N, C-alpha and C. Protein backbone atom coordinates (compact mmCIF):
# COMPACT_ATOMS: atom_id res chain seq x y z
N MET A 1 8.45 -0.07 -20.79
CA MET A 1 6.90 0.57 -20.82
C MET A 1 6.73 1.55 -21.76
N GLN A 2 5.74 1.41 -22.57
CA GLN A 2 5.54 2.44 -23.63
C GLN A 2 4.40 3.54 -22.94
N ASP A 3 4.57 4.47 -23.70
CA ASP A 3 3.45 5.74 -23.44
C ASP A 3 2.16 4.92 -23.64
N GLU A 4 1.26 5.22 -22.87
CA GLU A 4 0.00 4.46 -22.58
C GLU A 4 -1.05 5.44 -22.11
N ARG A 5 -2.18 5.57 -23.21
CA ARG A 5 -3.31 6.37 -22.85
C ARG A 5 -4.32 5.42 -22.23
N VAL A 6 -4.71 5.79 -21.19
CA VAL A 6 -5.53 4.96 -20.48
C VAL A 6 -7.17 5.16 -20.66
N MET A 7 -7.24 6.66 -20.77
CA MET A 7 -8.56 7.03 -20.99
C MET A 7 -8.55 8.05 -21.92
N PRO A 8 -8.60 7.87 -23.27
CA PRO A 8 -8.57 8.94 -24.33
C PRO A 8 -9.93 9.56 -24.25
N GLY A 9 -9.81 10.82 -24.54
CA GLY A 9 -11.15 11.73 -24.76
C GLY A 9 -11.44 12.69 -23.60
N ARG A 10 -11.00 12.48 -22.36
CA ARG A 10 -11.14 13.18 -21.19
C ARG A 10 -10.15 14.43 -21.14
N SER A 11 -10.85 15.51 -20.75
CA SER A 11 -9.88 16.81 -20.87
C SER A 11 -8.78 16.77 -19.72
N GLN A 12 -9.11 16.61 -18.53
CA GLN A 12 -8.19 16.69 -17.46
C GLN A 12 -7.33 15.37 -17.36
N THR A 13 -6.18 15.56 -17.19
CA THR A 13 -5.12 14.39 -17.14
C THR A 13 -4.38 14.38 -15.83
N LEU A 14 -3.91 13.30 -15.72
CA LEU A 14 -2.71 12.85 -14.82
C LEU A 14 -1.64 12.24 -15.54
N VAL A 15 -0.37 12.92 -15.42
CA VAL A 15 0.62 12.27 -16.18
C VAL A 15 1.53 11.46 -15.05
N ALA A 16 2.06 10.15 -15.41
CA ALA A 16 2.91 9.67 -14.13
C ALA A 16 3.96 9.11 -14.90
N GLY A 17 5.05 8.99 -14.28
CA GLY A 17 6.41 8.41 -14.57
C GLY A 17 6.72 7.05 -13.44
N THR A 18 5.93 6.12 -13.64
CA THR A 18 6.55 4.99 -12.94
C THR A 18 6.30 3.66 -13.80
N SER A 19 7.34 2.61 -13.40
CA SER A 19 7.32 1.48 -14.30
C SER A 19 6.52 0.24 -13.52
N ASP A 20 6.05 0.83 -12.18
CA ASP A 20 5.52 -0.30 -11.55
C ASP A 20 3.99 -0.42 -11.78
N LEU A 21 3.71 -1.47 -12.31
CA LEU A 21 2.40 -1.87 -12.71
C LEU A 21 1.35 -1.99 -11.65
N PHE A 22 1.58 -2.36 -10.71
CA PHE A 22 0.66 -2.25 -9.57
C PHE A 22 0.22 -0.79 -9.18
N LEU A 23 1.25 0.24 -9.23
CA LEU A 23 1.00 1.53 -8.99
C LEU A 23 0.17 2.14 -10.01
N GLN A 24 0.62 1.74 -11.44
CA GLN A 24 -0.32 2.21 -12.64
C GLN A 24 -1.72 2.04 -12.50
N SER A 25 -2.03 0.75 -11.91
CA SER A 25 -3.15 0.26 -11.95
C SER A 25 -3.97 1.10 -10.63
N ARG A 26 -3.25 1.26 -9.76
CA ARG A 26 -4.00 2.14 -8.57
C ARG A 26 -4.16 3.59 -9.00
N ILE A 27 -3.15 4.06 -9.70
CA ILE A 27 -3.19 5.66 -10.07
C ILE A 27 -4.44 5.65 -11.12
N THR A 28 -4.55 4.65 -12.04
CA THR A 28 -5.59 4.68 -13.00
C THR A 28 -6.96 4.47 -12.48
N GLU A 29 -6.92 3.68 -11.19
CA GLU A 29 -8.36 3.46 -10.69
C GLU A 29 -8.77 4.67 -9.99
N LEU A 30 -7.81 5.42 -9.25
CA LEU A 30 -8.38 6.58 -8.75
C LEU A 30 -8.53 7.91 -9.62
N ALA A 31 -7.59 7.83 -10.58
CA ALA A 31 -7.95 8.84 -11.75
C ALA A 31 -9.44 8.89 -12.26
N VAL A 32 -9.68 7.59 -12.74
CA VAL A 32 -10.97 7.37 -13.31
C VAL A 32 -12.11 7.71 -12.27
N SER A 33 -11.90 7.43 -11.03
CA SER A 33 -12.89 7.64 -10.19
C SER A 33 -13.27 8.98 -10.03
N LEU A 34 -12.31 9.97 -10.41
CA LEU A 34 -12.22 11.48 -10.32
C LEU A 34 -12.69 11.89 -11.76
N GLY A 35 -12.54 11.35 -12.84
CA GLY A 35 -13.05 11.67 -14.00
C GLY A 35 -11.77 12.19 -14.86
N VAL A 36 -10.75 11.88 -14.42
CA VAL A 36 -9.49 12.28 -15.06
C VAL A 36 -8.73 10.98 -15.83
N ALA A 37 -8.04 11.45 -16.95
CA ALA A 37 -7.58 10.45 -17.71
C ALA A 37 -5.95 10.38 -17.34
N ALA A 38 -5.65 9.07 -17.03
CA ALA A 38 -4.18 8.65 -16.68
C ALA A 38 -3.47 8.32 -17.84
N TYR A 39 -2.22 9.08 -17.92
CA TYR A 39 -1.16 8.62 -18.83
C TYR A 39 0.01 8.53 -18.09
N PHE A 40 0.78 7.29 -18.72
CA PHE A 40 2.10 6.78 -18.20
C PHE A 40 3.07 7.03 -19.30
N ALA A 41 4.17 7.26 -18.77
CA ALA A 41 5.49 7.54 -19.61
C ALA A 41 6.70 6.67 -19.09
N ALA A 42 7.69 6.18 -19.85
CA ALA A 42 8.70 5.55 -19.47
C ALA A 42 9.97 6.38 -19.51
N ASP A 43 10.00 7.65 -19.82
CA ASP A 43 10.87 8.33 -19.82
C ASP A 43 10.68 9.83 -19.60
N SER A 44 11.87 10.80 -19.48
CA SER A 44 11.56 12.10 -19.34
C SER A 44 10.87 12.77 -20.73
N ALA A 45 11.37 12.31 -21.63
CA ALA A 45 10.84 12.88 -22.91
C ALA A 45 9.44 12.58 -23.09
N GLY A 46 8.99 11.26 -22.83
CA GLY A 46 7.44 10.85 -22.69
C GLY A 46 6.71 11.66 -21.67
N LEU A 47 7.25 11.90 -20.61
CA LEU A 47 6.52 12.75 -19.63
C LEU A 47 6.30 14.02 -20.22
N LYS A 48 7.31 14.71 -20.57
CA LYS A 48 7.12 15.96 -21.21
C LYS A 48 6.11 16.13 -22.33
N ARG A 49 6.09 15.14 -23.10
CA ARG A 49 5.31 14.91 -24.32
C ARG A 49 3.71 14.91 -23.72
N GLN A 50 3.33 14.29 -22.72
CA GLN A 50 2.28 14.03 -22.21
C GLN A 50 1.50 15.24 -21.58
N VAL A 51 2.44 15.96 -21.02
CA VAL A 51 1.80 17.34 -20.25
C VAL A 51 1.19 18.21 -21.15
N THR A 52 0.19 18.68 -20.89
CA THR A 52 -0.56 19.65 -21.52
C THR A 52 -1.16 20.84 -20.50
N PRO A 53 -2.07 21.78 -21.30
CA PRO A 53 -2.47 22.76 -20.22
C PRO A 53 -3.63 21.97 -19.52
N ASP A 54 -4.07 20.90 -19.88
CA ASP A 54 -5.14 20.07 -19.11
C ASP A 54 -4.75 19.19 -18.10
N THR A 55 -3.31 19.04 -17.96
CA THR A 55 -2.86 18.19 -16.98
C THR A 55 -2.89 18.87 -15.57
N VAL A 56 -3.54 18.23 -14.73
CA VAL A 56 -3.88 18.69 -13.24
C VAL A 56 -2.81 18.22 -12.25
N LEU A 57 -1.97 17.10 -12.66
CA LEU A 57 -1.09 16.65 -11.77
C LEU A 57 0.02 15.70 -12.34
N VAL A 58 1.21 15.90 -12.12
CA VAL A 58 2.26 14.98 -12.53
C VAL A 58 2.80 14.37 -11.43
N VAL A 59 2.87 12.73 -11.48
CA VAL A 59 3.57 11.85 -10.62
C VAL A 59 4.76 11.35 -10.88
N LEU A 60 5.68 11.49 -10.08
CA LEU A 60 7.14 10.96 -10.34
C LEU A 60 7.47 10.02 -9.28
N ASP A 61 7.99 8.76 -9.71
CA ASP A 61 8.53 8.06 -8.84
C ASP A 61 10.07 8.37 -8.60
N LEU A 62 10.48 8.95 -7.55
CA LEU A 62 11.75 9.43 -7.42
C LEU A 62 12.96 8.41 -7.30
N SER A 63 12.52 7.19 -7.28
CA SER A 63 13.47 6.12 -7.09
C SER A 63 13.51 5.39 -8.57
N ASP A 64 12.76 5.75 -9.48
CA ASP A 64 12.67 5.00 -10.72
C ASP A 64 14.01 4.99 -11.51
N PRO A 65 14.65 4.01 -11.80
CA PRO A 65 15.92 3.90 -12.58
C PRO A 65 15.74 4.18 -14.12
N ASP A 66 14.57 4.12 -14.67
CA ASP A 66 14.41 4.31 -16.08
C ASP A 66 14.53 5.66 -16.49
N TYR A 67 14.51 6.56 -15.67
CA TYR A 67 14.35 7.94 -15.98
C TYR A 67 14.85 8.88 -14.93
N ASP A 68 15.35 10.07 -15.05
CA ASP A 68 15.82 11.09 -13.99
C ASP A 68 14.61 11.94 -13.51
N PRO A 69 13.89 11.48 -12.59
CA PRO A 69 12.79 12.18 -12.01
C PRO A 69 13.04 13.55 -11.95
N PHE A 70 14.24 13.96 -11.27
CA PHE A 70 14.62 15.30 -11.05
C PHE A 70 14.85 16.17 -12.19
N GLU A 71 15.55 15.80 -13.16
CA GLU A 71 15.52 16.48 -14.44
C GLU A 71 14.02 16.58 -15.18
N ALA A 72 13.36 15.68 -15.05
CA ALA A 72 12.14 15.76 -15.60
C ALA A 72 11.30 16.92 -14.82
N ALA A 73 11.19 16.89 -13.52
CA ALA A 73 10.69 17.97 -12.76
C ALA A 73 11.05 19.25 -12.97
N ARG A 74 12.60 19.43 -13.19
CA ARG A 74 12.88 20.72 -13.22
C ARG A 74 12.46 21.23 -14.72
N ASP A 75 12.48 20.40 -15.81
CA ASP A 75 12.05 20.60 -17.18
C ASP A 75 10.47 20.97 -17.23
N MET A 76 9.84 20.16 -16.47
CA MET A 76 8.35 20.65 -16.63
C MET A 76 8.06 21.78 -15.71
N LYS A 77 8.58 22.09 -14.48
CA LYS A 77 8.41 23.14 -13.67
C LYS A 77 8.86 24.49 -14.60
N GLY A 78 9.90 24.23 -15.46
CA GLY A 78 10.33 25.23 -16.37
C GLY A 78 9.41 25.72 -17.36
N ALA A 79 8.81 24.65 -17.99
CA ALA A 79 7.68 24.89 -19.03
C ALA A 79 6.27 25.18 -18.54
N TRP A 80 5.98 24.66 -17.28
CA TRP A 80 4.73 25.00 -16.68
C TRP A 80 4.71 25.32 -15.27
N PRO A 81 5.11 26.53 -14.99
CA PRO A 81 5.40 26.76 -13.34
C PRO A 81 4.50 26.42 -12.40
N SER A 82 3.14 26.54 -12.86
CA SER A 82 2.03 26.21 -11.85
C SER A 82 1.68 24.83 -11.61
N LEU A 83 2.35 23.88 -12.61
CA LEU A 83 2.05 22.50 -12.65
C LEU A 83 2.37 21.99 -11.33
N GLN A 84 1.37 20.93 -10.80
CA GLN A 84 1.62 20.40 -9.31
C GLN A 84 2.34 19.08 -9.69
N ILE A 85 3.27 18.90 -8.98
CA ILE A 85 4.14 17.56 -9.10
C ILE A 85 4.11 16.92 -7.69
N LEU A 86 3.77 15.61 -7.69
CA LEU A 86 3.80 14.88 -6.70
C LEU A 86 4.78 13.74 -6.86
N GLY A 87 5.75 13.68 -5.79
CA GLY A 87 6.80 12.45 -5.88
C GLY A 87 6.81 11.69 -4.95
N PHE A 88 7.08 10.50 -5.07
CA PHE A 88 7.18 9.54 -3.91
C PHE A 88 8.52 8.88 -4.05
N PHE A 89 8.97 8.14 -2.67
CA PHE A 89 10.09 7.56 -2.66
C PHE A 89 10.30 6.50 -1.38
N PRO A 90 11.17 5.66 -1.55
CA PRO A 90 11.21 4.64 -0.34
C PRO A 90 11.71 5.40 0.75
N HIS A 91 11.26 5.09 1.97
CA HIS A 91 11.59 5.77 3.23
C HIS A 91 13.08 5.51 3.53
N VAL A 92 13.67 4.61 2.96
CA VAL A 92 15.08 4.29 3.25
C VAL A 92 16.10 4.94 2.60
N LYS A 93 15.44 5.85 1.47
CA LYS A 93 16.30 6.71 0.57
C LYS A 93 15.92 8.19 0.76
N ALA A 94 16.17 8.63 1.95
CA ALA A 94 15.61 9.88 2.46
C ALA A 94 16.17 11.09 1.61
N GLU A 95 17.41 10.84 1.10
CA GLU A 95 18.01 11.88 0.18
C GLU A 95 17.31 12.23 -0.83
N LEU A 96 16.32 11.32 -1.25
CA LEU A 96 15.52 11.67 -2.73
C LEU A 96 14.44 12.59 -2.34
N ARG A 97 14.15 12.69 -1.08
CA ARG A 97 13.20 13.92 -0.74
C ARG A 97 13.73 15.23 -1.07
N THR A 98 15.27 15.52 -0.29
CA THR A 98 15.98 16.67 -0.66
C THR A 98 16.25 16.84 -2.18
N GLN A 99 16.43 15.98 -2.83
CA GLN A 99 16.72 16.18 -4.18
C GLN A 99 15.45 16.63 -5.04
N GLY A 100 14.43 16.09 -4.47
CA GLY A 100 13.10 16.25 -5.10
C GLY A 100 12.55 17.73 -4.88
N GLU A 101 12.85 18.19 -3.72
CA GLU A 101 12.65 19.52 -3.29
C GLU A 101 13.37 20.46 -3.97
N ARG A 102 14.76 20.30 -4.21
CA ARG A 102 15.65 21.04 -4.95
C ARG A 102 15.23 21.11 -6.47
N ALA A 103 14.61 19.93 -7.14
CA ALA A 103 14.06 20.03 -8.44
C ALA A 103 12.75 20.72 -8.60
N GLY A 104 12.00 21.13 -7.61
CA GLY A 104 10.83 21.75 -7.63
C GLY A 104 9.63 20.79 -7.59
N VAL A 105 9.65 19.53 -7.21
CA VAL A 105 8.69 18.61 -6.69
C VAL A 105 7.63 19.41 -5.59
N ASP A 106 6.39 19.44 -5.65
CA ASP A 106 5.63 20.46 -4.80
C ASP A 106 5.41 19.55 -3.53
N VAL A 107 4.84 18.27 -3.70
CA VAL A 107 4.53 17.35 -2.56
C VAL A 107 5.38 16.05 -2.70
N ILE A 108 6.13 15.75 -1.54
CA ILE A 108 7.06 14.49 -1.55
C ILE A 108 6.51 13.74 -0.39
N VAL A 109 6.33 12.27 -0.74
CA VAL A 109 5.85 11.66 0.30
C VAL A 109 6.59 10.24 0.28
N PRO A 110 6.60 9.36 1.42
CA PRO A 110 7.33 8.09 1.26
C PRO A 110 6.35 7.17 0.63
N ASN A 111 6.61 6.18 0.07
CA ASN A 111 5.82 4.98 -0.64
C ASN A 111 4.67 4.86 0.21
N SER A 112 4.75 4.66 1.62
CA SER A 112 3.77 4.38 2.30
C SER A 112 2.54 5.31 2.43
N LYS A 113 2.77 6.35 2.13
CA LYS A 113 1.77 7.41 2.08
C LYS A 113 1.42 8.00 0.76
N PHE A 114 1.85 7.43 -0.32
CA PHE A 114 1.71 7.84 -1.67
C PHE A 114 0.17 7.71 -2.04
N LEU A 115 -0.49 6.61 -2.10
CA LEU A 115 -1.77 6.44 -2.45
C LEU A 115 -2.86 7.53 -1.62
N GLU A 116 -2.54 7.44 -0.50
CA GLU A 116 -3.45 8.37 0.28
C GLU A 116 -3.22 9.93 -0.07
N THR A 117 -2.07 10.19 -0.15
CA THR A 117 -1.64 11.54 -0.62
C THR A 117 -2.18 11.97 -2.10
N LEU A 118 -1.95 10.83 -3.09
CA LEU A 118 -2.44 11.04 -4.33
C LEU A 118 -3.84 11.31 -4.34
N LYS A 119 -4.85 10.57 -3.57
CA LYS A 119 -6.17 10.90 -3.49
C LYS A 119 -6.46 12.44 -3.27
N LYS A 120 -5.81 12.81 -2.01
CA LYS A 120 -6.07 14.12 -1.44
C LYS A 120 -5.40 15.11 -2.44
N VAL A 121 -4.22 15.10 -3.13
CA VAL A 121 -3.90 16.17 -4.02
C VAL A 121 -4.57 16.18 -5.28
N LEU A 122 -4.98 14.92 -5.90
CA LEU A 122 -5.59 15.01 -6.84
C LEU A 122 -7.06 15.59 -6.94
N GLY A 123 -7.73 15.21 -5.86
CA GLY A 123 -9.02 15.80 -5.58
C GLY A 123 -8.90 17.14 -5.50
N GLN A 124 -8.04 17.83 -4.80
CA GLN A 124 -7.74 19.31 -4.82
C GLN A 124 -7.62 20.03 -6.12
N GLU A 125 -7.10 19.32 -7.01
CA GLU A 125 -6.52 19.89 -8.44
C GLU A 125 -7.66 19.68 -9.29
N VAL A 126 -8.43 18.63 -9.26
CA VAL A 126 -9.41 18.29 -10.53
C VAL A 126 -10.47 19.50 -10.32
N ARG A 127 -10.69 20.02 -11.69
CA ARG A 127 -11.76 21.01 -11.95
C ARG A 127 -12.81 20.34 -11.97
N PRO A 128 -14.26 20.91 -11.53
CA PRO A 128 -15.36 20.62 -12.00
C PRO A 128 -16.01 20.50 -13.34
N PRO A 129 -16.63 19.62 -13.98
CA PRO A 129 -16.95 19.68 -15.27
C PRO A 129 -17.60 20.79 -15.57
N GLU A 130 -17.35 21.20 -16.85
CA GLU A 130 -17.96 22.43 -17.44
C GLU A 130 -19.41 22.21 -18.04
């Protein structure tokens, strides 16, 4: 997966690390409905490159084998302490929740609650247009 700009030119952004094309589509759909640009990255370096002061939320797939989501969370929280990070995981891998908490992930939910939680959290983080 390459870094991909879904909606260039928008000021508020969501940055996500997931290789799941279905989730990328759903994340993009939700972000667009709220006027937020969605960016995707394949690795920790790509995630860090995409985060800017206009990033309202970072989404991490805590079970993605293509990058270390916990290292990415620690790095991003170190650089942007107030940045909100939402992580999701398969419910059968409950240990990922604990690892995410230790890494500084703010909201952690099982896959089954991800889209519902994303809508809620993103809605809270989006700033009204100026």
